[in-house]
Amino acid sequence: MAVYVGTCGFSYPEWVGPVYPEGTKQDRMLEVYSDMFPALEIDATYYRHPSNKMFKRYPERTGGKLRIFMKLHSRFTHEREADKTDVRIFEEAIKPLRESGQFAGFLAQFPQSFHGTPENGEYLERLRGLFPDTMVVCEFRHEDWWKKEALEFVRDLKFPVATVDAPDMSTLPPNEVIFTTEPAYVRLHGRNYKGWYAGARDRYTYKYTPEELQEWLKKVKKIALKSDTVYVFFNNHPFGYAAINAKEFIEILRIAMPKSIPEIGKVSPPEQQKLF
């Protein structure tokens, strides 16, 4: 089995220094990231549709090794008005990643207002119809979806459900391991209770302690009993905390589960790795 660890996003200017070497330009961040992690979740596509050219050079820039999940646009999850045109835009954009074998799937992150109602169940059936042959992981942020009947419904649709780590708050999903179908998927948002409703930056400003990462090691081991492939993405991106915690978690895995760590190789020859 394999555990792929990465972050939600990579192109953050404030990561220069804490994560990327001083002087790293934004157009070189993907290459540097690919030398540190085996997987990446691209979240920018939630805000804007990807262009045909956006990922054309990704296989070259990442050495063809980085496994990539891509968040679906808000039209799929929040407005829920997406149609076949939206699907076609995404499918065209990911062609280079499919051809290189790097595309791992889409992430559909639903809002906390997406409750486990019959109407929303019908929408999930429609979403499955829009992507009948493509991996789509669902992240739910309302506790309704952790009920047995709801999970069985989602499992029947062959949607993997993301295990989440978030503050212990009413209506938010419980911080417990969940698995419906391959692959297992974990998103760690941090535990900033006071900042959760204060805006995106405050919500995700949190640095996991070594003890909390060890706690997640136990959970990943539990998930690994059910799944051959586990993705673990850190979303606590302010101040570079996501990348810092992700690197720490990889080192924990190297000791506890050494055979689970995928190869992380250099993207390009040393002479091409100059950052400034």
Protein backbone atom coordinates (compact mmCIF):
# COMPACT_ATOMS: atom_id res chain seq x y z
CA MET A 1 0.00 0.00 0.00
CA ALA A 2 1.08 3.61 -0.49
CA VAL A 3 0.50 6.84 1.43
CA TYR A 4 0.74 9.98 -0.70
CA VAL A 5 1.25 13.14 1.36
CA GLY A 6 0.92 16.67 0.01
CA THR A 7 -0.75 20.02 0.45
CA CYS A 8 -3.83 21.83 -0.82
CA GLY A 9 -2.23 24.30 -3.18
CA PHE A 10 1.43 25.17 -3.65
CA SER A 11 1.69 28.68 -5.12
CA TYR A 12 1.80 30.82 -2.00
CA PRO A 13 4.26 33.75 -1.97
CA GLU A 14 4.51 33.59 1.84
CA TRP A 15 5.95 30.07 1.55
CA VAL A 16 9.20 31.56 0.27
CA GLY A 17 11.46 31.31 3.30
CA PRO A 18 9.48 28.91 5.53
CA VAL A 19 9.09 26.29 2.77
CA TYR A 20 10.77 27.32 -0.47
CA PRO A 21 14.37 28.62 -0.57
CA GLU A 22 14.77 32.38 -0.46
CA GLY A 23 14.54 33.83 -3.95
CA THR A 24 12.20 31.19 -5.33
CA LYS A 25 10.08 32.75 -8.07
CA GLN A 26 6.39 31.89 -8.35
CA ASP A 27 6.90 30.23 -11.73
CA ARG A 28 9.40 27.81 -10.13
CA MET A 29 7.32 26.80 -7.11
CA LEU A 30 5.79 23.74 -8.79
CA GLU A 31 9.21 22.30 -9.59
CA VAL A 32 10.46 22.85 -6.05
CA TYR A 33 7.23 21.45 -4.59
CA SER A 34 7.57 18.31 -6.72
CA ASP A 35 10.97 17.63 -5.17
CA MET A 36 9.39 17.58 -1.70
CA PHE A 37 6.06 15.80 -2.06
CA PRO A 38 4.53 12.93 -4.08
CA ALA A 39 1.02 14.41 -4.38
CA LEU A 40 -0.74 17.72 -4.85
CA GLU A 41 -4.29 18.97 -4.55
CA ILE A 42 -5.00 21.90 -6.87
CA ASP A 43 -7.64 24.19 -5.37
CA ALA A 44 -7.46 27.20 -7.72
CA THR A 45 -9.88 25.49 -10.10
CA TYR A 46 -12.64 25.94 -7.52
CA TYR A 47 -12.54 29.67 -8.21
CA ARG A 48 -11.95 29.66 -11.97
CA HIS A 49 -12.27 27.11 -14.73
CA PRO A 50 -8.96 25.70 -15.96
CA SER A 51 -7.79 26.62 -19.44
CA ASN A 52 -6.68 24.13 -22.07
CA LYS A 53 -3.07 25.26 -21.64
CA MET A 54 -2.95 25.45 -17.84
CA PHE A 55 -1.57 21.94 -17.29
CA LYS A 56 0.17 21.39 -20.62
CA ARG A 57 3.68 21.60 -19.11
CA TYR A 58 2.88 20.02 -15.76
CA PRO A 59 4.27 16.58 -16.69
CA GLU A 60 7.55 18.16 -17.75
CA ARG A 61 7.70 20.52 -14.78
CA THR A 62 6.95 17.80 -12.21
CA GLY A 63 9.02 15.00 -13.72
CA GLY A 64 5.85 13.04 -14.42
CA LYS A 65 5.73 11.67 -10.87
CA LEU A 66 3.48 14.02 -8.95
CA ARG A 67 -0.03 12.63 -8.42
CA ILE A 68 -2.60 15.36 -8.78
CA PHE A 69 -6.14 15.85 -7.54
CA MET A 70 -8.09 18.86 -8.74
CA LYS A 71 -10.94 20.62 -6.96
CA LEU A 72 -14.06 21.04 -9.04
CA HIS A 73 -15.39 24.53 -9.66
CA SER A 74 -17.99 25.97 -7.29
CA ARG A 75 -20.62 25.49 -10.03
CA PHE A 76 -20.43 21.77 -9.24
CA THR A 77 -20.62 22.02 -5.46
CA HIS A 78 -22.00 25.33 -4.25
CA GLU A 79 -24.19 26.72 -7.04
CA ARG A 80 -24.82 23.18 -8.33
CA GLU A 81 -25.55 24.50 -11.80
CA ALA A 82 -22.76 22.71 -13.68
CA ASP A 83 -23.58 21.06 -16.99
CA LYS A 84 -21.80 19.12 -19.71
CA THR A 85 -20.02 22.27 -20.88
CA ASP A 86 -18.35 22.62 -17.48
CA VAL A 87 -17.41 18.95 -17.57
CA ARG A 88 -15.90 19.34 -21.04
CA ILE A 89 -13.75 22.26 -19.89
CA PHE A 90 -12.28 20.21 -17.04
CA GLU A 91 -11.81 17.08 -19.13
CA GLU A 92 -9.97 19.03 -21.83
CA ALA A 93 -7.74 20.74 -19.28
CA ILE A 94 -6.61 17.51 -17.60
CA LYS A 95 -5.67 15.67 -20.81
CA PRO A 96 -1.90 16.21 -20.30
CA LEU A 97 -2.20 14.86 -16.76
CA ARG A 98 -4.19 11.82 -17.90
CA GLU A 99 -1.66 11.08 -20.62
CA SER A 100 1.23 11.27 -18.15
CA GLY A 101 -0.61 9.10 -15.63
CA GLN A 102 -0.53 11.87 -13.04
CA PHE A 103 -4.23 12.69 -12.83
CA ALA A 104 -5.63 11.00 -9.73
CA GLY A 105 -9.12 12.47 -9.62
CA PHE A 106 -11.38 15.40 -8.81
CA LEU A 107 -12.40 16.69 -5.40
CA ALA A 108 -15.95 17.91 -4.86
CA GLN A 109 -15.94 19.96 -1.65
CA PHE A 110 -19.49 20.67 -0.60
CA PRO A 111 -20.41 23.52 1.76
CA GLN A 112 -21.65 23.10 5.31
CA SER A 113 -25.12 24.03 4.05
CA PHE A 114 -25.20 20.86 1.90
CA HIS A 115 -27.25 18.67 4.23
CA GLY A 116 -28.20 15.03 3.74
CA THR A 117 -31.59 15.73 2.15
CA PRO A 118 -33.30 13.70 -0.60
CA GLU A 119 -32.87 16.66 -2.93
CA ASN A 120 -29.11 16.74 -2.33
CA GLY A 121 -28.99 12.99 -2.77
CA GLU A 122 -30.53 13.46 -6.20
CA TYR A 123 -27.85 16.01 -6.99
CA LEU A 124 -25.10 13.52 -6.11
CA GLU A 125 -26.69 11.07 -8.54
CA ARG A 126 -26.59 13.80 -11.20
CA LEU A 127 -22.94 14.55 -10.41
CA ARG A 128 -22.10 10.87 -10.81
CA GLY A 129 -23.78 11.02 -14.20
CA LEU A 130 -21.65 13.98 -15.24
CA PHE A 131 -18.46 12.02 -14.44
CA PRO A 132 -19.46 8.37 -14.99
CA ASP A 133 -15.90 7.12 -15.54
CA THR A 134 -13.83 9.60 -13.52
CA MET A 135 -12.70 9.48 -9.91
CA VAL A 136 -14.53 12.08 -7.81
CA VAL A 137 -13.85 12.33 -4.08
CA CYS A 138 -16.56 14.02 -2.03
CA GLU A 139 -15.86 16.12 1.03
CA PHE A 140 -18.89 16.89 3.16
CA ARG A 141 -18.91 19.48 5.92
CA HIS A 142 -22.20 18.63 7.55
CA GLU A 143 -22.63 15.82 10.03
CA ASP A 144 -25.66 14.42 8.15
CA TRP A 145 -23.35 12.61 5.73
CA TRP A 146 -21.74 10.57 8.51
CA LYS A 147 -24.96 8.73 9.20
CA LYS A 148 -24.95 5.08 8.17
CA GLU A 149 -27.69 5.40 5.55
CA ALA A 150 -26.05 8.43 3.93
CA LEU A 151 -22.65 6.75 3.74
CA GLU A 152 -24.18 3.64 2.20
CA PHE A 153 -25.91 5.83 -0.40
CA VAL A 154 -22.66 7.57 -1.30
CA ARG A 155 -20.80 4.25 -1.38
CA ASP A 156 -23.35 2.87 -3.85
CA LEU A 157 -22.56 5.83 -6.10
CA LYS A 158 -18.87 4.87 -5.88
CA PHE A 159 -17.79 8.17 -4.40
CA PRO A 160 -14.85 8.06 -2.00
CA VAL A 161 -15.65 10.24 1.02
CA ALA A 162 -12.90 12.37 2.52
CA THR A 163 -11.94 11.91 6.14
CA VAL A 164 -11.49 15.39 7.59
CA ASP A 165 -9.74 16.98 10.52
CA ALA A 166 -11.37 20.20 11.70
CA PRO A 167 -12.38 21.87 14.96
CA ASP A 168 -14.65 19.86 17.23
CA MET A 169 -17.80 21.86 16.58
CA SER A 170 -21.48 20.99 16.35
CA THR A 171 -22.73 20.21 12.80
CA LEU A 172 -19.17 19.78 11.47
CA PRO A 173 -18.17 16.20 10.57
CA PRO A 174 -16.62 14.16 13.37
CA ASN A 175 -12.84 13.75 13.25
CA GLU A 176 -13.05 10.04 12.66
CA VAL A 177 -11.81 7.73 9.94
CA ILE A 178 -14.23 7.15 7.10
CA PHE A 179 -13.89 4.89 4.09
CA THR A 180 -16.40 4.16 1.34
CA THR A 181 -14.33 3.10 -1.66
CA GLU A 182 -10.81 3.47 -3.07
CA PRO A 183 -8.85 5.59 -2.63
CA ALA A 184 -8.84 6.73 0.99
CA TYR A 185 -8.62 10.51 1.19
CA VAL A 186 -7.73 12.69 4.18
CA ARG A 187 -7.89 16.49 4.40
CA LEU A 188 -6.47 18.22 7.46
CA HIS A 189 -7.84 21.74 7.86
CA GLY A 190 -6.46 22.55 11.29
CA ARG A 191 -8.30 23.04 14.56
CA ASN A 192 -8.70 26.79 14.78
CA TYR A 193 -11.99 26.82 16.64
CA LYS A 194 -12.11 30.60 17.14
CA GLY A 195 -11.24 31.42 13.55
CA TRP A 196 -13.41 28.88 11.72
CA TYR A 197 -16.09 31.40 10.79
CA ALA A 198 -13.77 34.41 10.62
CA GLY A 199 -12.73 33.96 6.99
CA ALA A 200 -10.66 31.50 4.98
CA ARG A 201 -7.25 32.67 6.17
CA ASP A 202 -8.13 32.63 9.86
CA ARG A 203 -10.00 29.34 9.43
CA TYR A 204 -6.91 27.51 8.22
CA THR A 205 -4.28 29.21 10.37
CA TYR A 206 -3.17 26.31 12.51
CA LYS A 207 0.01 24.31 13.04
CA TYR A 208 -0.30 20.68 14.08
CA THR A 209 1.81 19.58 17.01
CA PRO A 210 4.00 16.44 16.91
CA GLU A 211 1.49 14.77 19.23
CA GLU A 212 -1.40 15.57 16.87
CA LEU A 213 0.54 14.21 13.90
CA GLN A 214 1.18 10.99 15.83
CA GLU A 215 -2.55 10.84 16.44
CA TRP A 216 -3.07 11.01 12.68
CA LEU A 217 -0.47 8.32 12.11
CA LYS A 218 -2.70 5.96 14.11
CA LYS A 219 -5.69 6.96 11.99
CA VAL A 220 -3.81 6.49 8.72
CA LYS A 221 -2.76 3.04 9.87
CA LYS A 222 -6.42 2.28 10.54
CA ILE A 223 -7.43 3.52 7.08
CA ALA A 224 -4.63 1.51 5.49
CA LEU A 225 -6.26 -1.68 6.74
CA LYS A 226 -9.11 -0.98 4.30
CA SER A 227 -7.45 0.88 1.43
CA ASP A 228 -4.43 0.17 -0.77
CA THR A 229 -3.91 3.87 -1.48
CA VAL A 230 -4.19 6.73 1.00
CA TYR A 231 -3.92 10.43 0.16
CA VAL A 232 -3.22 12.86 2.99
CA PHE A 233 -3.48 16.58 2.17
CA PHE A 234 -2.77 19.40 4.60
CA ASN A 235 -4.93 22.50 4.06
CA ASN A 236 -3.54 24.68 6.88
CA HIS A 237 -1.64 26.78 4.34
CA PRO A 238 -1.08 30.18 6.06
CA PHE A 239 2.57 30.77 7.04
CA GLY A 240 3.59 27.57 5.24
CA TYR A 241 2.19 25.40 8.03
CA ALA A 242 0.67 22.91 5.57
CA ALA A 243 4.00 22.14 3.91
CA ILE A 244 5.87 22.12 7.21
CA ASN A 245 3.40 19.65 8.73
CA ALA A 246 3.32 17.56 5.55
CA LYS A 247 7.10 17.18 5.61
CA GLU A 248 6.98 16.28 9.30
CA PHE A 249 4.29 13.70 8.61
CA ILE A 250 6.34 12.12 5.82
CA GLU A 251 9.25 11.72 8.25
CA ILE A 252 6.90 10.09 10.77
CA LEU A 253 5.75 7.67 8.06
CA ARG A 254 9.36 6.89 7.08
CA ILE A 255 9.88 5.52 10.58
CA ALA A 256 6.49 3.92 11.24
CA MET A 257 5.50 2.77 7.72
CA PRO A 258 8.66 2.94 5.57
CA LYS A 259 7.30 0.78 2.77
CA SER A 260 4.34 3.11 2.29
CA ILE A 261 6.34 6.13 1.12
CA PRO A 262 6.26 6.65 -2.69
CA GLU A 263 9.37 7.77 -4.50
CA ILE A 264 10.01 11.51 -4.47
CA GLY A 265 12.59 12.33 -7.12
CA LYS A 266 14.31 15.33 -8.62
CA VAL A 267 12.28 17.00 -11.33
CA SER A 268 15.19 18.20 -13.44
CA PRO A 269 19.01 18.06 -13.46
CA PRO A 270 20.76 20.12 -10.77
CA GLU A 271 21.91 22.75 -13.26
CA GLN A 272 18.27 23.47 -14.08
CA GLN A 273 17.20 23.71 -10.45
CA LYS A 274 18.73 27.15 -9.86
CA LEU A 275 16.17 29.34 -8.13
CA PHE A 276 17.83 32.73 -8.55
